[in-house]
């Protein structure tokens, strides 16, 4: 990833394994939207905050993406369950669908996302 275009999301200590995620604004496919980043298995993963089943945001409350076991991401509207490492829907109404990943990188200074042809920072 090119560091020049990266957009700061948060400090590394803001993300606890299986804990609250951090939401961030993006322009997705030309429309204002929200992305989110979570930590799972010691790594950070970022996705567009939009269920693969119906285009609604996933989080129960702002930043609450994990279900009770803290092993899967879960859509608060229809209960679709996603693997945090891949964004693939493993259960529920969107089985076989997937969340749209956003390129993310973690350093000792922070967590950054990388804009591309689909995701841009808001103006």
PDB file of N, CA and C in Angstrom:
ATOM      1  N   UNK A   1       0.832  -1.179   0.000  1.00  0.00           N
ATOM      2  CA  UNK A   1       0.000   0.000   0.000  1.00  0.00           C
ATOM      3  C   UNK A   1       0.875   1.240   0.000  1.00  0.00           C
ATOM      4  N   UNK A   2       0.439   2.234  -0.675  1.00  0.00           N
ATOM      5  CA  UNK A   2       1.153   3.499  -0.710  1.00  0.00           C
ATOM      6  C   UNK A   2       0.812   4.307   0.529  1.00  0.00           C
ATOM      7  N   UNK A   3       1.814   4.653   1.316  1.00  0.00           N
ATOM      8  CA  UNK A   3       1.578   5.383   2.551  1.00  0.00           C
ATOM      9  C   UNK A   3       1.114   6.819   2.303  1.00  0.00           C
ATOM     10  N   UNK A   4       1.432   7.379   1.139  1.00  0.00           N
ATOM     11  CA  UNK A   4       1.101   8.774   0.854  1.00  0.00           C
ATOM     12  C   UNK A   4      -0.406   9.040   0.857  1.00  0.00           C
ATOM     13  N   UNK A   5      -1.192   8.101   0.414  1.00  0.00           N
ATOM     14  CA  UNK A   5      -2.640   8.306   0.311  1.00  0.00           C
ATOM     15  C   UNK A   5      -3.424   7.746   1.487  1.00  0.00           C
ATOM     16  N   UNK A   6      -2.747   7.127   2.436  1.00  0.00           N
ATOM     17  CA  UNK A   6      -3.458   6.498   3.536  1.00  0.00           C
ATOM     18  C   UNK A   6      -4.196   7.518   4.402  1.00  0.00           C
ATOM     19  N   UNK A   7      -5.296   7.058   5.010  1.00  0.00           N
ATOM     20  CA  UNK A   7      -6.121   7.917   5.858  1.00  0.00           C
ATOM     21  C   UNK A   7      -6.113   7.328   7.265  1.00  0.00           C
ATOM     22  N   UNK A   8      -5.749   8.144   8.218  1.00  0.00           N
ATOM     23  CA  UNK A   8      -5.687   7.725   9.622  1.00  0.00           C
ATOM     24  C   UNK A   8      -7.089   7.395  10.140  1.00  0.00           C
ATOM     25  N   UNK A   9      -7.200   6.262  10.861  1.00  0.00           N
ATOM     26  CA  UNK A   9      -8.473   5.882  11.486  1.00  0.00           C
ATOM     27  C   UNK A   9      -8.403   6.086  12.998  1.00  0.00           C
ATOM     28  N   UNK A  10      -7.402   5.453  13.631  1.00  0.00           N
ATOM     29  CA  UNK A  10      -7.299   5.504  15.083  1.00  0.00           C
ATOM     30  C   UNK A  10      -5.924   5.013  15.518  1.00  0.00           C
ATOM     31  N   UNK A  11      -5.644   5.150  16.795  1.00  0.00           N
ATOM     32  CA  UNK A  11      -4.424   4.584  17.354  1.00  0.00           C
ATOM     33  C   UNK A  11      -4.582   3.083  17.522  1.00  0.00           C
ATOM     34  N   UNK A  12      -3.489   2.334  17.520  1.00  0.00           N
ATOM     35  CA  UNK A  12      -3.586   0.876  17.640  1.00  0.00           C
ATOM     36  C   UNK A  12      -4.246   0.413  18.935  1.00  0.00           C
ATOM     37  N   UNK A  13      -4.086   1.184  20.006  1.00  0.00           N
ATOM     38  CA  UNK A  13      -4.672   0.794  21.288  1.00  0.00           C
ATOM     39  C   UNK A  13      -6.181   1.013  21.364  1.00  0.00           C
ATOM     40  N   UNK A  14      -6.767   1.640  20.350  1.00  0.00           N
ATOM     41  CA  UNK A  14      -8.220   1.845  20.313  1.00  0.00           C
ATOM     42  C   UNK A  14      -8.968   0.562  19.951  1.00  0.00           C
ATOM     43  N   UNK A  15      -8.238  -0.444  19.450  1.00  0.00           N
ATOM     44  CA  UNK A  15      -8.871  -1.691  19.018  1.00  0.00           C
ATOM     45  C   UNK A  15      -8.419  -2.850  19.889  1.00  0.00           C
ATOM     46  N   UNK A  16      -9.370  -3.448  20.592  1.00  0.00           N
ATOM     47  CA  UNK A  16      -9.113  -4.604  21.441  1.00  0.00           C
ATOM     48  C   UNK A  16      -9.659  -5.826  20.721  1.00  0.00           C
ATOM     49  N   UNK A  17      -8.936  -6.928  20.792  1.00  0.00           N
ATOM     50  CA  UNK A  17      -9.364  -8.163  20.132  1.00  0.00           C
ATOM     51  C   UNK A  17     -10.803  -8.515  20.518  1.00  0.00           C
ATOM     52  N   UNK A  18     -11.695  -8.607  19.523  1.00  0.00           N
ATOM     53  CA  UNK A  18     -13.094  -8.943  19.759  1.00  0.00           C
ATOM     54  C   UNK A  18     -13.892  -7.829  20.416  1.00  0.00           C
ATOM     55  N   UNK A  19     -13.308  -6.655  20.516  1.00  0.00           N
ATOM     56  CA  UNK A  19     -13.972  -5.545  21.189  1.00  0.00           C
ATOM     57  C   UNK A  19     -14.651  -4.590  20.220  1.00  0.00           C
ATOM     58  N   UNK A  20     -14.947  -3.429  20.728  1.00  0.00           N
ATOM     59  CA  UNK A  20     -15.615  -2.398  19.950  1.00  0.00           C
ATOM     60  C   UNK A  20     -14.760  -1.996  18.755  1.00  0.00           C
ATOM     61  N   UNK A  21     -15.402  -1.851  17.607  1.00  0.00           N
ATOM     62  CA  UNK A  21     -14.717  -1.397  16.416  1.00  0.00           C
ATOM     63  C   UNK A  21     -14.763   0.116  16.313  1.00  0.00           C
ATOM     64  N   UNK A  22     -14.046   0.639  15.337  1.00  0.00           N
ATOM     65  CA  UNK A  22     -14.028   2.079  15.097  1.00  0.00           C
ATOM     66  C   UNK A  22     -14.623   2.339  13.722  1.00  0.00           C
ATOM     67  N   UNK A  23     -15.621   3.198  13.689  1.00  0.00           N
ATOM     68  CA  UNK A  23     -16.270   3.599  12.439  1.00  0.00           C
ATOM     69  C   UNK A  23     -15.497   4.763  11.828  1.00  0.00           C
ATOM     70  N   UNK A  24     -15.520   4.862  10.493  1.00  0.00           N
ATOM     71  CA  UNK A  24     -14.882   5.998   9.827  1.00  0.00           C
ATOM     72  C   UNK A  24     -15.643   6.313   8.539  1.00  0.00           C
ATOM     73  N   UNK A  25     -15.685   7.602   8.162  1.00  0.00           N
ATOM     74  CA  UNK A  25     -16.429   7.995   6.964  1.00  0.00           C
ATOM     75  C   UNK A  25     -15.671   7.646   5.682  1.00  0.00           C
ATOM     76  N   UNK A  26     -16.409   7.198   4.680  1.00  0.00           N
ATOM     77  CA  UNK A  26     -15.865   6.920   3.349  1.00  0.00           C
ATOM     78  C   UNK A  26     -16.888   7.354   2.303  1.00  0.00           C
ATOM     79  N   UNK A  27     -16.424   7.496   1.099  1.00  0.00           N
ATOM     80  CA  UNK A  27     -17.316   7.623  -0.047  1.00  0.00           C
ATOM     81  C   UNK A  27     -17.174   6.295  -0.778  1.00  0.00           C
ATOM     82  N   UNK A  28     -18.237   5.508  -0.771  1.00  0.00           N
ATOM     83  CA  UNK A  28     -18.214   4.162  -1.346  1.00  0.00           C
ATOM     84  C   UNK A  28     -19.001   4.157  -2.647  1.00  0.00           C
ATOM     85  N   UNK A  29     -18.316   3.863  -3.744  1.00  0.00           N
ATOM     86  CA  UNK A  29     -18.959   3.809  -5.051  1.00  0.00           C
ATOM     87  C   UNK A  29     -19.708   5.105  -5.346  1.00  0.00           C
ATOM     88  N   UNK A  30     -19.125   6.238  -4.901  1.00  0.00           N
ATOM     89  CA  UNK A  30     -19.690   7.556  -5.177  1.00  0.00           C
ATOM     90  C   UNK A  30     -20.688   8.083  -4.165  1.00  0.00           C
ATOM     91  N   UNK A  31     -21.043   7.297  -3.139  1.00  0.00           N
ATOM     92  CA  UNK A  31     -22.035   7.734  -2.149  1.00  0.00           C
ATOM     93  C   UNK A  31     -21.417   7.756  -0.749  1.00  0.00           C
ATOM     94  N   UNK A  32     -21.864   8.692   0.081  1.00  0.00           N
ATOM     95  CA  UNK A  32     -21.373   8.743   1.458  1.00  0.00           C
ATOM     96  C   UNK A  32     -21.767   7.472   2.192  1.00  0.00           C
ATOM     97  N   UNK A  33     -20.817   6.935   2.959  1.00  0.00           N
ATOM     98  CA  UNK A  33     -21.048   5.699   3.695  1.00  0.00           C
ATOM     99  C   UNK A  33     -20.115   5.671   4.909  1.00  0.00           C
ATOM    100  N   UNK A  34     -20.125   4.544   5.588  1.00  0.00           N
ATOM    101  CA  UNK A  34     -19.272   4.353   6.754  1.00  0.00           C
ATOM    102  C   UNK A  34     -18.497   3.060   6.593  1.00  0.00           C
ATOM    103  N   UNK A  35     -17.235   3.112   6.945  1.00  0.00           N
ATOM    104  CA  UNK A  35     -16.417   1.909   7.038  1.00  0.00           C
ATOM    105  C   UNK A  35     -16.218   1.601   8.507  1.00  0.00           C
ATOM    106  N   UNK A  36     -15.656   0.435   8.797  1.00  0.00           N
ATOM    107  CA  UNK A  36     -15.321   0.118  10.182  1.00  0.00           C
ATOM    108  C   UNK A  36     -14.094  -0.772  10.221  1.00  0.00           C
ATOM    109  N   UNK A  37     -13.382  -0.686  11.319  1.00  0.00           N
ATOM    110  CA  UNK A  37     -12.206  -1.523  11.538  1.00  0.00           C
ATOM    111  C   UNK A  37     -12.368  -2.202  12.895  1.00  0.00           C
ATOM    112  N   UNK A  38     -11.977  -3.480  12.943  1.00  0.00           N
ATOM    113  CA  UNK A  38     -12.007  -4.267  14.177  1.00  0.00           C
ATOM    114  C   UNK A  38     -10.692  -5.027  14.301  1.00  0.00           C
ATOM    115  N   UNK A  39     -10.421  -5.500  15.500  1.00  0.00           N
ATOM    116  CA  UNK A  39      -9.268  -6.373  15.716  1.00  0.00           C
ATOM    117  C   UNK A  39      -9.798  -7.765  16.046  1.00  0.00           C
ATOM    118  N   UNK A  40      -9.220  -8.760  15.374  1.00  0.00           N
ATOM    119  CA  UNK A  40      -9.599 -10.157  15.610  1.00  0.00           C
ATOM    120  C   UNK A  40      -8.358 -11.017  15.415  1.00  0.00           C
ATOM    121  N   UNK A  41      -8.075 -11.876  16.391  1.00  0.00           N
ATOM    122  CA  UNK A  41      -6.897 -12.733  16.284  1.00  0.00           C
ATOM    123  C   UNK A  41      -5.601 -11.945  16.183  1.00  0.00           C
ATOM    124  N   UNK A  42      -5.584 -10.750  16.776  1.00  0.00           N
ATOM    125  CA  UNK A  42      -4.394  -9.924  16.780  1.00  0.00           C
ATOM    126  C   UNK A  42      -4.184  -9.080  15.539  1.00  0.00           C
ATOM    127  N   UNK A  43      -5.057  -9.211  14.556  1.00  0.00           N
ATOM    128  CA  UNK A  43      -4.928  -8.449  13.314  1.00  0.00           C
ATOM    129  C   UNK A  43      -6.106  -7.497  13.146  1.00  0.00           C
ATOM    130  N   UNK A  44      -5.899  -6.440  12.338  1.00  0.00           N
ATOM    131  CA  UNK A  44      -6.987  -5.507  12.062  1.00  0.00           C
ATOM    132  C   UNK A  44      -7.599  -5.811  10.696  1.00  0.00           C
ATOM    133  N   UNK A  45      -8.912  -5.636  10.627  1.00  0.00           N
ATOM    134  CA  UNK A  45      -9.677  -5.868   9.403  1.00  0.00           C
ATOM    135  C   UNK A  45     -10.649  -4.713   9.246  1.00  0.00           C
ATOM    136  N   UNK A  46     -10.797  -4.229   8.012  1.00  0.00           N
ATOM    137  CA  UNK A  46     -11.720  -3.126   7.758  1.00  0.00           C
ATOM    138  C   UNK A  46     -12.691  -3.504   6.640  1.00  0.00           C
ATOM    139  N   UNK A  47     -13.928  -3.055   6.781  1.00  0.00           N
ATOM    140  CA  UNK A  47     -14.984  -3.356   5.811  1.00  0.00           C
ATOM    141  C   UNK A  47     -15.908  -2.152   5.658  1.00  0.00           C
ATOM    142  N   UNK A  48     -16.617  -2.131   4.559  1.00  0.00           N
ATOM    143  CA  UNK A  48     -17.716  -1.198   4.388  1.00  0.00           C
ATOM    144  C   UNK A  48     -18.801  -1.622   5.373  1.00  0.00           C
ATOM    145  N   UNK A  49     -19.373  -0.682   6.085  1.00  0.00           N
ATOM    146  CA  UNK A  49     -20.392  -0.993   7.090  1.00  0.00           C
ATOM    147  C   UNK A  49     -21.749  -1.170   6.409  1.00  0.00           C
ATOM    148  N   UNK A  50     -21.861  -2.265   5.674  1.00  0.00           N
ATOM    149  CA  UNK A  50     -23.080  -2.540   4.915  1.00  0.00           C
ATOM    150  C   UNK A  50     -23.259  -4.057   4.819  1.00  0.00           C
ATOM    151  N   UNK A  51     -24.391  -4.552   5.274  1.00  0.00           N
ATOM    152  CA  UNK A  51     -24.694  -5.982   5.227  1.00  0.00           C
ATOM    153  C   UNK A  51     -24.777  -6.457   3.780  1.00  0.00           C
ATOM    154  N   UNK A  52     -24.334  -7.676   3.535  1.00  0.00           N
ATOM    155  CA  UNK A  52     -24.399  -8.255   2.189  1.00  0.00           C
ATOM    156  C   UNK A  52     -25.824  -8.657   1.816  1.00  0.00           C
ATOM    157  N   UNK A  53     -26.703  -8.798   2.804  1.00  0.00           N
ATOM    158  CA  UNK A  53     -28.082  -9.222   2.561  1.00  0.00           C
ATOM    159  C   UNK A  53     -28.954  -8.036   2.151  1.00  0.00           C
ATOM    160  N   UNK A  54     -28.980  -7.014   2.980  1.00  0.00           N
ATOM    161  CA  UNK A  54     -29.740  -5.790   2.739  1.00  0.00           C
ATOM    162  C   UNK A  54     -28.785  -4.641   3.081  1.00  0.00           C
ATOM    163  N   UNK A  55     -28.720  -3.599   2.287  1.00  0.00           N
ATOM    164  CA  UNK A  55     -27.730  -2.540   2.537  1.00  0.00           C
ATOM    165  C   UNK A  55     -28.034  -1.668   3.757  1.00  0.00           C
ATOM    166  N   UNK A  56     -27.875  -2.257   4.948  1.00  0.00           N
ATOM    167  CA  UNK A  56     -28.015  -1.543   6.213  1.00  0.00           C
ATOM    168  C   UNK A  56     -26.706  -1.684   6.977  1.00  0.00           C
ATOM    169  N   UNK A  57     -26.448  -0.770   7.900  1.00  0.00           N
ATOM    170  CA  UNK A  57     -25.242  -0.862   8.710  1.00  0.00           C
ATOM    171  C   UNK A  57     -25.344  -2.045   9.663  1.00  0.00           C
ATOM    172  N   UNK A  58     -24.196  -2.642   9.971  1.00  0.00           N
ATOM    173  CA  UNK A  58     -24.166  -3.842  10.796  1.00  0.00           C
ATOM    174  C   UNK A  58     -24.268  -3.594  12.291  1.00  0.00           C
ATOM    175  N   UNK A  59     -23.609  -2.575  12.802  1.00  0.00           N
ATOM    176  CA  UNK A  59     -23.422  -2.461  14.242  1.00  0.00           C
ATOM    177  C   UNK A  59     -24.719  -2.273  15.027  1.00  0.00           C
ATOM    178  N   UNK A  60     -24.719  -2.938  16.194  1.00  0.00           N
ATOM    179  CA  UNK A  60     -25.854  -2.886  17.120  1.00  0.00           C
ATOM    180  C   UNK A  60     -25.968  -1.483  17.694  1.00  0.00           C
ATOM    181  N   UNK A  61     -24.866  -1.002  18.206  1.00  0.00           N
ATOM    182  CA  UNK A  61     -24.669   0.365  18.675  1.00  0.00           C
ATOM    183  C   UNK A  61     -23.386   0.795  17.994  1.00  0.00           C
ATOM    184  N   UNK A  62     -23.096   2.061  17.958  1.00  0.00           N
ATOM    185  CA  UNK A  62     -21.900   2.521  17.243  1.00  0.00           C
ATOM    186  C   UNK A  62     -20.675   1.732  17.694  1.00  0.00           C
ATOM    187  N   UNK A  63     -20.085   1.009  16.743  1.00  0.00           N
ATOM    188  CA  UNK A  63     -18.872   0.256  17.006  1.00  0.00           C
ATOM    189  C   UNK A  63     -19.064  -1.155  17.516  1.00  0.00           C
ATOM    190  N   UNK A  64     -20.293  -1.562  17.791  1.00  0.00           N
ATOM    191  CA  UNK A  64     -20.549  -2.923  18.290  1.00  0.00           C
ATOM    192  C   UNK A  64     -20.850  -3.849  17.114  1.00  0.00           C
ATOM    193  N   UNK A  65     -19.834  -4.573  16.655  1.00  0.00           N
ATOM    194  CA  UNK A  65     -19.960  -5.434  15.476  1.00  0.00           C
ATOM    195  C   UNK A  65     -19.918  -6.915  15.814  1.00  0.00           C
ATOM    196  N   UNK A  66     -19.258  -7.294  16.906  1.00  0.00           N
ATOM    197  CA  UNK A  66     -19.122  -8.712  17.249  1.00  0.00           C
ATOM    198  C   UNK A  66     -20.367  -9.229  17.950  1.00  0.00           C
ATOM    199  N   UNK A  67     -20.699 -10.497  17.692  1.00  0.00           N
ATOM    200  CA  UNK A  67     -21.776 -11.140  18.433  1.00  0.00           C
ATOM    201  C   UNK A  67     -21.215 -11.561  19.789  1.00  0.00           C
ATOM    202  N   UNK A  68     -22.014 -12.172  20.645  1.00  0.00           N
ATOM    203  CA  UNK A  68     -21.649 -12.399  22.047  1.00  0.00           C
ATOM    204  C   UNK A  68     -20.398 -13.251  22.259  1.00  0.00           C
ATOM    205  N   UNK A  69     -20.088 -14.190  21.375  1.00  0.00           N
ATOM    206  CA  UNK A  69     -18.892 -15.019  21.546  1.00  0.00           C
ATOM    207  C   UNK A  69     -17.621 -14.283  21.148  1.00  0.00           C
ATOM    208  N   UNK A  70     -17.765 -13.147  20.473  1.00  0.00           N
ATOM    209  CA  UNK A  70     -16.647 -12.326  19.973  1.00  0.00           C
ATOM    210  C   UNK A  70     -15.854 -13.017  18.866  1.00  0.00           C
ATOM    211  N   UNK A  71     -16.443 -14.050  18.247  1.00  0.00           N
ATOM    212  CA  UNK A  71     -15.770 -14.786  17.171  1.00  0.00           C
ATOM    213  C   UNK A  71     -16.225 -14.345  15.787  1.00  0.00           C
ATOM    214  N   UNK A  72     -17.420 -13.762  15.692  1.00  0.00           N
ATOM    215  CA  UNK A  72     -17.998 -13.393  14.400  1.00  0.00           C
ATOM    216  C   UNK A  72     -18.551 -11.976  14.438  1.00  0.00           C
ATOM    217  N   UNK A  73     -18.576 -11.349  13.282  1.00  0.00           N
ATOM    218  CA  UNK A  73     -19.263 -10.075  13.109  1.00  0.00           C
ATOM    219  C   UNK A  73     -20.717 -10.402  12.822  1.00  0.00           C
ATOM    220  N   UNK A  74     -21.644  -9.579  13.293  1.00  0.00           N
ATOM    221  CA  UNK A  74     -23.060  -9.906  13.121  1.00  0.00           C
ATOM    222  C   UNK A  74     -23.869  -8.681  12.735  1.00  0.00           C
ATOM    223  N   UNK A  75     -24.759  -8.834  11.771  1.00  0.00           N
ATOM    224  CA  UNK A  75     -25.664  -7.767  11.365  1.00  0.00           C
ATOM    225  C   UNK A  75     -26.783  -7.660  12.398  1.00  0.00           C
ATOM    226  N   UNK A  76     -26.976  -6.464  12.902  1.00  0.00           N
ATOM    227  CA  UNK A  76     -27.994  -6.249  13.932  1.00  0.00           C
ATOM    228  C   UNK A  76     -29.413  -6.348  13.394  1.00  0.00           C
ATOM    229  N   UNK A  77     -29.593  -6.212  12.093  1.00  0.00           N
ATOM    230  CA  UNK A  77     -30.933  -6.215  11.515  1.00  0.00           C
ATOM    231  C   UNK A  77     -31.459  -7.618  11.241  1.00  0.00           C
ATOM    232  N   UNK A  78     -30.677  -8.461  10.578  1.00  0.00           N
ATOM    233  CA  UNK A  78     -31.168  -9.779  10.183  1.00  0.00           C
ATOM    234  C   UNK A  78     -30.367 -10.947  10.750  1.00  0.00           C
ATOM    235  N   UNK A  79     -29.343 -10.667  11.541  1.00  0.00           N
ATOM    236  CA  UNK A  79     -28.578 -11.730  12.177  1.00  0.00           C
ATOM    237  C   UNK A  79     -27.574 -12.432  11.276  1.00  0.00           C
ATOM    238  N   UNK A  80     -27.251 -11.874  10.126  1.00  0.00           N
ATOM    239  CA  UNK A  80     -26.221 -12.476   9.269  1.00  0.00           C
ATOM    240  C   UNK A  80     -24.897 -12.470  10.022  1.00  0.00           C
ATOM    241  N   UNK A  81     -24.162 -13.570   9.932  1.00  0.00           N
ATOM    242  CA  UNK A  81     -22.901 -13.726  10.655  1.00  0.00           C
ATOM    243  C   UNK A  81     -21.763 -13.793   9.648  1.00  0.00           C
ATOM    244  N   UNK A  82     -20.691 -13.039   9.928  1.00  0.00           N
ATOM    245  CA  UNK A  82     -19.544 -12.939   9.021  1.00  0.00           C
ATOM    246  C   UNK A  82     -18.253 -13.314   9.730  1.00  0.00           C
ATOM    247  N   UNK A  83     -17.347 -13.994   9.017  1.00  0.00           N
ATOM    248  CA  UNK A  83     -16.018 -14.288   9.536  1.00  0.00           C
ATOM    249  C   UNK A  83     -15.200 -13.000   9.507  1.00  0.00           C
ATOM    250  N   UNK A  84     -14.644 -12.563  10.632  1.00  0.00           N
ATOM    251  CA  UNK A  84     -13.902 -11.303  10.663  1.00  0.00           C
ATOM    252  C   UNK A  84     -12.678 -11.285   9.742  1.00  0.00           C
ATOM    253  N   UNK A  85     -12.052 -12.440   9.521  1.00  0.00           N
ATOM    254  CA  UNK A  85     -10.827 -12.493   8.721  1.00  0.00           C
ATOM    255  C   UNK A  85     -11.078 -12.339   7.227  1.00  0.00           C
ATOM    256  N   UNK A  86     -12.270 -12.706   6.768  1.00  0.00           N
ATOM    257  CA  UNK A  86     -12.543 -12.715   5.328  1.00  0.00           C
ATOM    258  C   UNK A  86     -13.762 -11.892   4.936  1.00  0.00           C
ATOM    259  N   UNK A  87     -14.647 -11.627   5.879  1.00  0.00           N
ATOM    260  CA  UNK A  87     -15.894 -10.943   5.569  1.00  0.00           C
ATOM    261  C   UNK A  87     -16.934 -11.843   4.931  1.00  0.00           C
ATOM    262  N   UNK A  88     -16.653 -13.140   4.814  1.00  0.00           N
ATOM    263  CA  UNK A  88     -17.586 -14.086   4.201  1.00  0.00           C
ATOM    264  C   UNK A  88     -18.726 -14.377   5.169  1.00  0.00           C
ATOM    265  N   UNK A  89     -19.956 -14.357   4.663  1.00  0.00           N
ATOM    266  CA  UNK A  89     -21.133 -14.677   5.457  1.00  0.00           C
ATOM    267  C   UNK A  89     -21.162 -16.183   5.701  1.00  0.00           C
ATOM    268  N   UNK A  90     -21.133 -16.572   6.965  1.00  0.00           N
ATOM    269  CA  UNK A  90     -21.115 -17.991   7.317  1.00  0.00           C
ATOM    270  C   UNK A  90     -22.453 -18.487   7.831  1.00  0.00           C
ATOM    271  N   UNK A  91     -23.416 -17.594   7.997  1.00  0.00           N
ATOM    272  CA  UNK A  91     -24.736 -18.004   8.458  1.00  0.00           C
ATOM    273  C   UNK A  91     -25.730 -16.870   8.351  1.00  0.00           C
ATOM    274  N   UNK A  92     -26.983 -17.243   8.191  1.00  0.00           N
ATOM    275  CA  UNK A  92     -28.019 -16.236   8.083  1.00  0.00           C
ATOM    276  C   UNK A  92     -28.463 -16.039   6.642  1.00  0.00           C
ATOM    277  N   UNK A  93     -29.209 -14.981   6.391  1.00  0.00           N
ATOM    278  CA  UNK A  93     -29.850 -14.794   5.089  1.00  0.00           C
ATOM    279  C   UNK A  93     -28.905 -14.489   3.925  1.00  0.00           C
ATOM    280  N   UNK A  94     -27.656 -14.169   4.196  1.00  0.00           N
ATOM    281  CA  UNK A  94     -26.748 -13.829   3.092  1.00  0.00           C
ATOM    282  C   UNK A  94     -25.684 -14.896   2.883  1.00  0.00           C
ATOM    283  N   UNK A  95     -25.929 -16.106   3.348  1.00  0.00           N
ATOM    284  CA  UNK A  95     -24.925 -17.177   3.290  1.00  0.00           C
ATOM    285  C   UNK A  95     -24.259 -17.204   1.912  1.00  0.00           C
ATOM    286  N   UNK A  96     -22.909 -17.160   1.933  1.00  0.00           N
ATOM    287  CA  UNK A  96     -22.142 -17.145   0.693  1.00  0.00           C
ATOM    288  C   UNK A  96     -21.804 -15.748   0.222  1.00  0.00           C
ATOM    289  N   UNK A  97     -22.519 -14.729   0.728  1.00  0.00           N
ATOM    290  CA  UNK A  97     -22.202 -13.345   0.399  1.00  0.00           C
ATOM    291  C   UNK A  97     -20.990 -12.907   1.212  1.00  0.00           C
ATOM    292  N   UNK A  98     -20.590 -11.669   1.042  1.00  0.00           N
ATOM    293  CA  UNK A  98     -19.448 -11.187   1.815  1.00  0.00           C
ATOM    294  C   UNK A  98     -19.492  -9.689   1.984  1.00  0.00           C
ATOM    295  N   UNK A  99     -18.837  -9.234   3.048  1.00  0.00           N
ATOM    296  CA  UNK A  99     -18.668  -7.809   3.273  1.00  0.00           C
ATOM    297  C   UNK A  99     -17.623  -7.292   2.294  1.00  0.00           C
ATOM    298  N   UNK A 100     -17.694  -6.014   1.951  1.00  0.00           N
ATOM    299  CA  UNK A 100     -16.709  -5.408   1.049  1.00  0.00           C
ATOM    300  C   UNK A 100     -15.511  -4.944   1.868  1.00  0.00           C
ATOM    301  N   UNK A 101     -14.330  -5.547   1.614  1.00  0.00           N
ATOM    302  CA  UNK A 101     -13.146  -5.180   2.394  1.00  0.00           C
ATOM    303  C   UNK A 101     -12.602  -3.812   1.996  1.00  0.00           C
ATOM    304  N   UNK A 102     -12.003  -3.156   2.965  1.00  0.00           N
ATOM    305  CA  UNK A 102     -11.294  -1.902   2.756  1.00  0.00           C
ATOM    306  C   UNK A 102      -9.853  -2.162   3.175  1.00  0.00           C
ATOM    307  N   UNK A 103      -8.904  -1.848   2.303  1.00  0.00           N
ATOM    308  CA  UNK A 103      -7.493  -2.081   2.607  1.00  0.00           C
ATOM    309  C   UNK A 103      -7.097  -1.284   3.844  1.00  0.00           C
ATOM    310  N   UNK A 104      -6.442  -1.961   4.783  1.00  0.00           N
ATOM    311  CA  UNK A 104      -6.078  -1.347   6.048  1.00  0.00           C
ATOM    312  C   UNK A 104      -4.671  -1.791   6.432  1.00  0.00           C
ATOM    313  N   UNK A 105      -3.972  -0.906   7.157  1.00  0.00           N
ATOM    314  CA  UNK A 105      -2.617  -1.208   7.597  1.00  0.00           C
ATOM    315  C   UNK A 105      -2.434  -0.647   9.004  1.00  0.00           C
ATOM    316  N   UNK A 106      -1.736  -1.428   9.838  1.00  0.00           N
ATOM    317  CA  UNK A 106      -1.467  -0.993  11.200  1.00  0.00           C
ATOM    318  C   UNK A 106       0.032  -0.776  11.389  1.00  0.00           C
ATOM    319  N   UNK A 107       0.373   0.329  12.046  1.00  0.00           N
ATOM    320  CA  UNK A 107       1.749   0.614  12.433  1.00  0.00           C
ATOM    321  C   UNK A 107       1.745   0.905  13.931  1.00  0.00           C
ATOM    322  N   UNK A 108       2.900   1.176  14.503  1.00  0.00           N
ATOM    323  CA  UNK A 108       2.937   1.530  15.919  1.00  0.00           C
ATOM    324  C   UNK A 108       2.279   2.883  16.163  1.00  0.00           C
ATOM    325  N   UNK A 109       2.190   3.713  15.125  1.00  0.00           N
ATOM    326  CA  UNK A 109       1.567   5.023  15.260  1.00  0.00           C
ATOM    327  C   UNK A 109       0.054   4.998  15.093  1.00  0.00           C
ATOM    328  N   UNK A 110      -0.474   4.054  14.316  1.00  0.00           N
ATOM    329  CA  UNK A 110      -1.908   4.069  14.087  1.00  0.00           C
ATOM    330  C   UNK A 110      -2.390   3.037  13.102  1.00  0.00           C
ATOM    331  N   UNK A 111      -3.692   3.075  12.870  1.00  0.00           N
ATOM    332  CA  UNK A 111      -4.360   2.217  11.896  1.00  0.00           C
ATOM    333  C   UNK A 111      -4.823   3.126  10.767  1.00  0.00           C
ATOM    334  N   UNK A 112      -4.524   2.746   9.530  1.00  0.00           N
ATOM    335  CA  UNK A 112      -4.791   3.576   8.352  1.00  0.00           C
ATOM    336  C   UNK A 112      -5.549   2.776   7.304  1.00  0.00           C
ATOM    337  N   UNK A 113      -6.415   3.449   6.551  1.00  0.00           N
ATOM    338  CA  UNK A 113      -7.062   2.777   5.422  1.00  0.00           C
ATOM    339  C   UNK A 113      -6.558   3.395   4.132  1.00  0.00           C
ATOM    340  N   UNK A 114      -6.593   2.577   3.083  1.00  0.00           N
ATOM    341  CA  UNK A 114      -6.050   2.958   1.780  1.00  0.00           C
ATOM    342  C   UNK A 114      -7.178   3.192   0.782  1.00  0.00           C
ATOM    343  N   UNK A 115      -7.388   4.439   0.340  1.00  0.00           N
ATOM    344  CA  UNK A 115      -8.390   4.689  -0.703  1.00  0.00           C
ATOM    345  C   UNK A 115      -8.044   3.948  -1.996  1.00  0.00           C
ATOM    346  N   UNK A 116      -9.061   3.610  -2.767  1.00  0.00           N
ATOM    347  CA  UNK A 116      -8.867   2.956  -4.065  1.00  0.00           C
ATOM    348  C   UNK A 116      -9.986   3.403  -5.002  1.00  0.00           C
ATOM    349  N   UNK A 117     -10.204   2.692  -6.086  1.00  0.00           N
ATOM    350  CA  UNK A 117     -11.215   3.107  -7.059  1.00  0.00           C
ATOM    351  C   UNK A 117     -12.639   3.019  -6.505  1.00  0.00           C
ATOM    352  N   UNK A 118     -12.860   2.217  -5.455  1.00  0.00           N
ATOM    353  CA  UNK A 118     -14.202   2.058  -4.877  1.00  0.00           C
ATOM    354  C   UNK A 118     -14.428   2.904  -3.631  1.00  0.00           C
ATOM    355  N   UNK A 119     -13.367   3.130  -2.864  1.00  0.00           N
ATOM    356  CA  UNK A 119     -13.479   3.830  -1.584  1.00  0.00           C
ATOM    357  C   UNK A 119     -12.565   5.049  -1.578  1.00  0.00           C
ATOM    358  N   UNK A 120     -13.164   6.202  -1.303  1.00  0.00           N
ATOM    359  CA  UNK A 120     -12.425   7.463  -1.252  1.00  0.00           C
ATOM    360  C   UNK A 120     -12.754   8.176   0.057  1.00  0.00           C
ATOM    361  N   UNK A 121     -11.848   9.034   0.530  1.00  0.00           N
ATOM    362  CA  UNK A 121     -12.189   9.821   1.721  1.00  0.00           C
ATOM    363  C   UNK A 121     -13.228  10.871   1.375  1.00  0.00           C
ATOM    364  N   UNK A 122     -14.070  11.231   2.336  1.00  0.00           N
ATOM    365  CA  UNK A 122     -15.045  12.294   2.069  1.00  0.00           C
ATOM    366  C   UNK A 122     -14.316  13.619   1.846  1.00  0.00           C
ATOM    367  N   UNK A 123     -14.950  14.512   1.131  1.00  0.00           N
ATOM    368  CA  UNK A 123     -14.327  15.813   0.852  1.00  0.00           C
ATOM    369  C   UNK A 123     -14.538  16.769   2.005  1.00  0.00           C
TER     370      UNK A 123
END
